[in-house]
Amino acid sequence: MEKTKFKYYHNSNLRNRDLAQTLEDYLMRGYQPGGFTTALLAGDLFGAVSRADYWNKAAIADIATAIIKNCPSAAMGSCAAEVLGVVEELA
């Protein structure tokens, strides 16, 4: 059986394949990401750390950098918090 290369709609060259798929689903299809990614997108570092699993905690700086480099500004921060429905959680 031939192994096919994983393809994305966008060309972000992320090393973390799961993060790349999550960001693509969020940006291109409007899917709500999980709690960890939602917290990072909303700019809630403490929330992201508290929701991160073992692997994400170790790579949180790399993941945040990948989000900053690959997501438009309207998809992060307070705009993302409002769209993702975490405004009342952060208040």
N, C-alpha and C. Protein backbone atom coordinates (compact mmCIF):
# COMPACT_ATOMS: atom_id res chain seq x y z
N MET A 1 0.84 -1.18 0.00
CA MET A 1 0.00 0.00 0.00
C MET A 1 0.89 1.24 0.00
N GLU A 2 0.64 2.12 -0.92
CA GLU A 2 1.45 3.32 -1.06
C GLU A 2 1.06 4.37 -0.01
N LYS A 3 2.07 4.95 0.61
CA LYS A 3 1.84 5.97 1.62
C LYS A 3 1.68 7.33 0.93
N THR A 4 0.57 8.00 1.18
CA THR A 4 0.35 9.30 0.55
C THR A 4 0.76 10.40 1.50
N LYS A 5 1.28 11.47 0.93
CA LYS A 5 1.69 12.62 1.72
C LYS A 5 0.45 13.38 2.17
N PHE A 6 0.46 13.82 3.43
CA PHE A 6 -0.65 14.57 3.98
C PHE A 6 -0.70 15.95 3.31
N LYS A 7 -1.85 16.34 2.77
CA LYS A 7 -1.96 17.60 2.05
C LYS A 7 -2.93 18.53 2.76
N TYR A 8 -2.60 19.80 2.77
CA TYR A 8 -3.44 20.84 3.36
C TYR A 8 -3.88 21.81 2.28
N TYR A 9 -4.96 22.49 2.56
CA TYR A 9 -5.43 23.52 1.63
C TYR A 9 -4.44 24.67 1.56
N HIS A 10 -3.89 25.04 2.70
CA HIS A 10 -2.92 26.13 2.77
C HIS A 10 -1.51 25.55 2.80
N ASN A 11 -0.51 26.38 2.62
CA ASN A 11 0.87 25.93 2.63
C ASN A 11 1.60 26.57 3.81
N SER A 12 1.37 26.05 5.00
CA SER A 12 1.96 26.65 6.19
C SER A 12 3.25 25.96 6.63
N ASN A 13 3.50 24.74 6.14
CA ASN A 13 4.69 23.97 6.49
C ASN A 13 4.87 23.79 7.99
N LEU A 14 3.79 23.55 8.71
CA LEU A 14 3.89 23.30 10.14
C LEU A 14 4.44 21.91 10.38
N ARG A 15 5.29 21.77 11.39
CA ARG A 15 5.84 20.46 11.73
C ARG A 15 4.82 19.61 12.46
N ASN A 16 3.90 20.24 13.18
CA ASN A 16 2.89 19.52 13.95
C ASN A 16 1.66 19.30 13.06
N ARG A 17 1.50 18.10 12.57
CA ARG A 17 0.43 17.78 11.63
C ARG A 17 -0.96 17.97 12.24
N ASP A 18 -1.11 17.61 13.52
CA ASP A 18 -2.42 17.77 14.17
C ASP A 18 -2.78 19.24 14.31
N LEU A 19 -1.81 20.07 14.68
CA LEU A 19 -2.06 21.50 14.79
C LEU A 19 -2.40 22.09 13.43
N ALA A 20 -1.68 21.67 12.39
CA ALA A 20 -1.96 22.17 11.05
C ALA A 20 -3.39 21.84 10.64
N GLN A 21 -3.83 20.62 10.93
CA GLN A 21 -5.20 20.23 10.58
C GLN A 21 -6.21 21.01 11.40
N THR A 22 -5.94 21.21 12.68
CA THR A 22 -6.84 21.97 13.55
C THR A 22 -6.98 23.41 13.07
N LEU A 23 -5.85 24.04 12.73
CA LEU A 23 -5.91 25.43 12.25
C LEU A 23 -6.62 25.52 10.91
N GLU A 24 -6.37 24.55 10.05
CA GLU A 24 -7.06 24.57 8.75
C GLU A 24 -8.57 24.41 8.94
N ASP A 25 -8.97 23.50 9.80
CA ASP A 25 -10.41 23.31 10.06
C ASP A 25 -11.03 24.57 10.66
N TYR A 26 -10.31 25.24 11.54
CA TYR A 26 -10.80 26.47 12.16
C TYR A 26 -10.89 27.61 11.14
N LEU A 27 -9.82 27.81 10.39
CA LEU A 27 -9.77 28.95 9.47
C LEU A 27 -10.57 28.75 8.20
N MET A 28 -10.55 27.55 7.65
CA MET A 28 -11.16 27.32 6.34
C MET A 28 -12.58 26.76 6.42
N ARG A 29 -12.88 26.06 7.51
CA ARG A 29 -14.18 25.39 7.60
C ARG A 29 -15.04 25.89 8.75
N GLY A 30 -14.46 26.72 9.63
CA GLY A 30 -15.21 27.30 10.74
C GLY A 30 -15.46 26.35 11.89
N TYR A 31 -14.68 25.26 11.96
CA TYR A 31 -14.85 24.31 13.07
C TYR A 31 -14.27 24.88 14.35
N GLN A 32 -14.93 24.63 15.46
CA GLN A 32 -14.43 25.07 16.77
C GLN A 32 -13.28 24.14 17.18
N PRO A 33 -12.10 24.71 17.47
CA PRO A 33 -11.00 23.86 17.94
C PRO A 33 -11.23 23.42 19.38
N GLY A 34 -10.37 22.55 19.86
CA GLY A 34 -10.45 22.09 21.25
C GLY A 34 -10.10 23.20 22.23
N GLY A 35 -10.25 22.91 23.51
CA GLY A 35 -10.06 23.91 24.55
C GLY A 35 -8.67 24.51 24.58
N PHE A 36 -7.63 23.69 24.38
CA PHE A 36 -6.26 24.19 24.38
C PHE A 36 -6.03 25.18 23.25
N THR A 37 -6.37 24.80 22.04
CA THR A 37 -6.17 25.68 20.88
C THR A 37 -7.06 26.90 20.96
N THR A 38 -8.28 26.75 21.43
CA THR A 38 -9.18 27.89 21.60
C THR A 38 -8.57 28.90 22.56
N ALA A 39 -8.03 28.42 23.68
CA ALA A 39 -7.41 29.32 24.65
C ALA A 39 -6.22 30.05 24.04
N LEU A 40 -5.40 29.35 23.27
CA LEU A 40 -4.25 30.01 22.62
C LEU A 40 -4.72 31.05 21.61
N LEU A 41 -5.71 30.70 20.80
CA LEU A 41 -6.22 31.65 19.81
C LEU A 41 -6.82 32.89 20.46
N ALA A 42 -7.44 32.71 21.63
CA ALA A 42 -8.06 33.82 22.34
C ALA A 42 -7.05 34.63 23.15
N GLY A 43 -5.82 34.17 23.21
CA GLY A 43 -4.79 34.89 23.95
C GLY A 43 -4.81 34.59 25.44
N ASP A 44 -5.39 33.48 25.82
CA ASP A 44 -5.49 33.10 27.23
C ASP A 44 -4.39 32.07 27.54
N LEU A 45 -3.20 32.56 27.85
CA LEU A 45 -2.07 31.68 28.09
C LEU A 45 -2.29 30.77 29.28
N PHE A 46 -2.79 31.32 30.38
CA PHE A 46 -3.01 30.50 31.57
C PHE A 46 -4.05 29.41 31.29
N GLY A 47 -5.09 29.75 30.56
CA GLY A 47 -6.10 28.75 30.18
C GLY A 47 -5.52 27.68 29.28
N ALA A 48 -4.64 28.10 28.35
CA ALA A 48 -4.02 27.14 27.44
C ALA A 48 -3.12 26.18 28.21
N VAL A 49 -2.34 26.70 29.13
CA VAL A 49 -1.45 25.84 29.93
C VAL A 49 -2.27 24.87 30.76
N SER A 50 -3.36 25.33 31.34
CA SER A 50 -4.17 24.45 32.17
C SER A 50 -4.89 23.37 31.37
N ARG A 51 -5.10 23.61 30.08
CA ARG A 51 -5.80 22.63 29.23
C ARG A 51 -4.84 21.76 28.42
N ALA A 52 -3.56 22.09 28.42
CA ALA A 52 -2.59 21.38 27.58
C ALA A 52 -2.28 19.99 28.12
N ASP A 53 -2.09 19.06 27.20
CA ASP A 53 -1.62 17.74 27.60
C ASP A 53 -0.09 17.78 27.71
N TYR A 54 0.50 16.66 28.01
CA TYR A 54 1.94 16.58 28.23
C TYR A 54 2.74 17.10 27.05
N TRP A 55 2.39 16.69 25.83
CA TRP A 55 3.14 17.08 24.64
C TRP A 55 2.95 18.56 24.32
N ASN A 56 1.73 19.06 24.46
CA ASN A 56 1.49 20.47 24.16
C ASN A 56 2.15 21.40 25.17
N LYS A 57 2.21 20.99 26.45
CA LYS A 57 2.89 21.81 27.45
C LYS A 57 4.36 21.98 27.10
N ALA A 58 4.97 20.90 26.65
CA ALA A 58 6.39 20.95 26.30
C ALA A 58 6.65 21.80 25.05
N ALA A 59 5.65 21.92 24.18
CA ALA A 59 5.83 22.63 22.91
C ALA A 59 5.00 23.89 22.81
N ILE A 60 4.52 24.43 23.93
CA ILE A 60 3.56 25.54 23.87
C ILE A 60 4.15 26.78 23.18
N ALA A 61 5.43 27.05 23.38
CA ALA A 61 6.04 28.21 22.71
C ALA A 61 6.07 28.01 21.20
N ASP A 62 6.41 26.81 20.74
CA ASP A 62 6.43 26.52 19.30
C ASP A 62 5.02 26.59 18.71
N ILE A 63 4.04 26.09 19.45
CA ILE A 63 2.66 26.10 18.97
C ILE A 63 2.14 27.53 18.88
N ALA A 64 2.41 28.35 19.90
CA ALA A 64 1.98 29.75 19.87
C ALA A 64 2.65 30.49 18.72
N THR A 65 3.93 30.22 18.48
CA THR A 65 4.63 30.84 17.36
C THR A 65 4.01 30.43 16.03
N ALA A 66 3.66 29.15 15.89
CA ALA A 66 3.03 28.67 14.66
C ALA A 66 1.68 29.35 14.44
N ILE A 67 0.93 29.54 15.50
CA ILE A 67 -0.36 30.22 15.38
C ILE A 67 -0.16 31.66 14.94
N ILE A 68 0.80 32.34 15.56
CA ILE A 68 1.07 33.75 15.20
C ILE A 68 1.50 33.86 13.75
N LYS A 69 2.33 32.94 13.28
CA LYS A 69 2.84 33.00 11.91
C LYS A 69 1.81 32.60 10.86
N ASN A 70 0.83 31.77 11.24
CA ASN A 70 -0.06 31.18 10.24
C ASN A 70 -1.50 31.66 10.28
N CYS A 71 -1.89 32.34 11.32
CA CYS A 71 -3.28 32.79 11.42
C CYS A 71 -3.38 34.29 11.17
N PRO A 72 -4.39 34.72 10.46
CA PRO A 72 -4.60 36.16 10.29
C PRO A 72 -4.96 36.78 11.64
N SER A 73 -4.64 38.06 11.80
CA SER A 73 -4.87 38.72 13.09
C SER A 73 -6.34 38.70 13.51
N ALA A 74 -7.25 38.69 12.55
CA ALA A 74 -8.68 38.66 12.89
C ALA A 74 -9.10 37.31 13.46
N ALA A 75 -8.25 36.30 13.34
CA ALA A 75 -8.57 34.97 13.85
C ALA A 75 -7.94 34.69 15.20
N MET A 76 -7.31 35.72 15.80
CA MET A 76 -6.64 35.55 17.09
C MET A 76 -7.05 36.67 18.04
N GLY A 77 -6.70 36.52 19.30
CA GLY A 77 -6.91 37.57 20.28
C GLY A 77 -8.37 37.78 20.64
N SER A 78 -8.72 39.05 20.88
CA SER A 78 -10.08 39.34 21.34
C SER A 78 -11.13 39.02 20.28
N CYS A 79 -10.79 39.16 19.00
CA CYS A 79 -11.73 38.80 17.93
C CYS A 79 -12.04 37.30 17.99
N ALA A 80 -11.01 36.49 18.15
CA ALA A 80 -11.20 35.05 18.24
C ALA A 80 -11.97 34.69 19.49
N ALA A 81 -11.68 35.37 20.58
CA ALA A 81 -12.38 35.09 21.84
C ALA A 81 -13.88 35.32 21.68
N GLU A 82 -14.23 36.39 20.99
CA GLU A 82 -15.65 36.69 20.78
C GLU A 82 -16.30 35.66 19.86
N VAL A 83 -15.62 35.35 18.76
CA VAL A 83 -16.17 34.40 17.79
C VAL A 83 -16.27 33.00 18.39
N LEU A 84 -15.27 32.60 19.17
CA LEU A 84 -15.24 31.26 19.73
C LEU A 84 -16.06 31.14 21.01
N GLY A 85 -16.61 32.25 21.47
CA GLY A 85 -17.51 32.21 22.62
C GLY A 85 -16.83 32.06 23.96
N VAL A 86 -15.61 32.56 24.07
CA VAL A 86 -14.91 32.44 25.35
C VAL A 86 -14.84 33.77 26.10
N VAL A 87 -15.55 34.78 25.60
CA VAL A 87 -15.51 36.09 26.24
C VAL A 87 -16.04 36.02 27.67
N GLU A 88 -17.18 35.37 27.84
CA GLU A 88 -17.76 35.30 29.18
C GLU A 88 -16.92 34.42 30.10
N GLU A 89 -16.20 33.44 29.53
CA GLU A 89 -15.31 32.60 30.34
C GLU A 89 -14.15 33.41 30.88
N LEU A 90 -13.62 34.32 30.06
CA LEU A 90 -12.45 35.12 30.46
C LEU A 90 -12.81 36.24 31.40
N ALA A 91 -14.06 36.65 31.43
CA ALA A 91 -14.47 37.79 32.26
C ALA A 91 -14.57 37.42 33.72
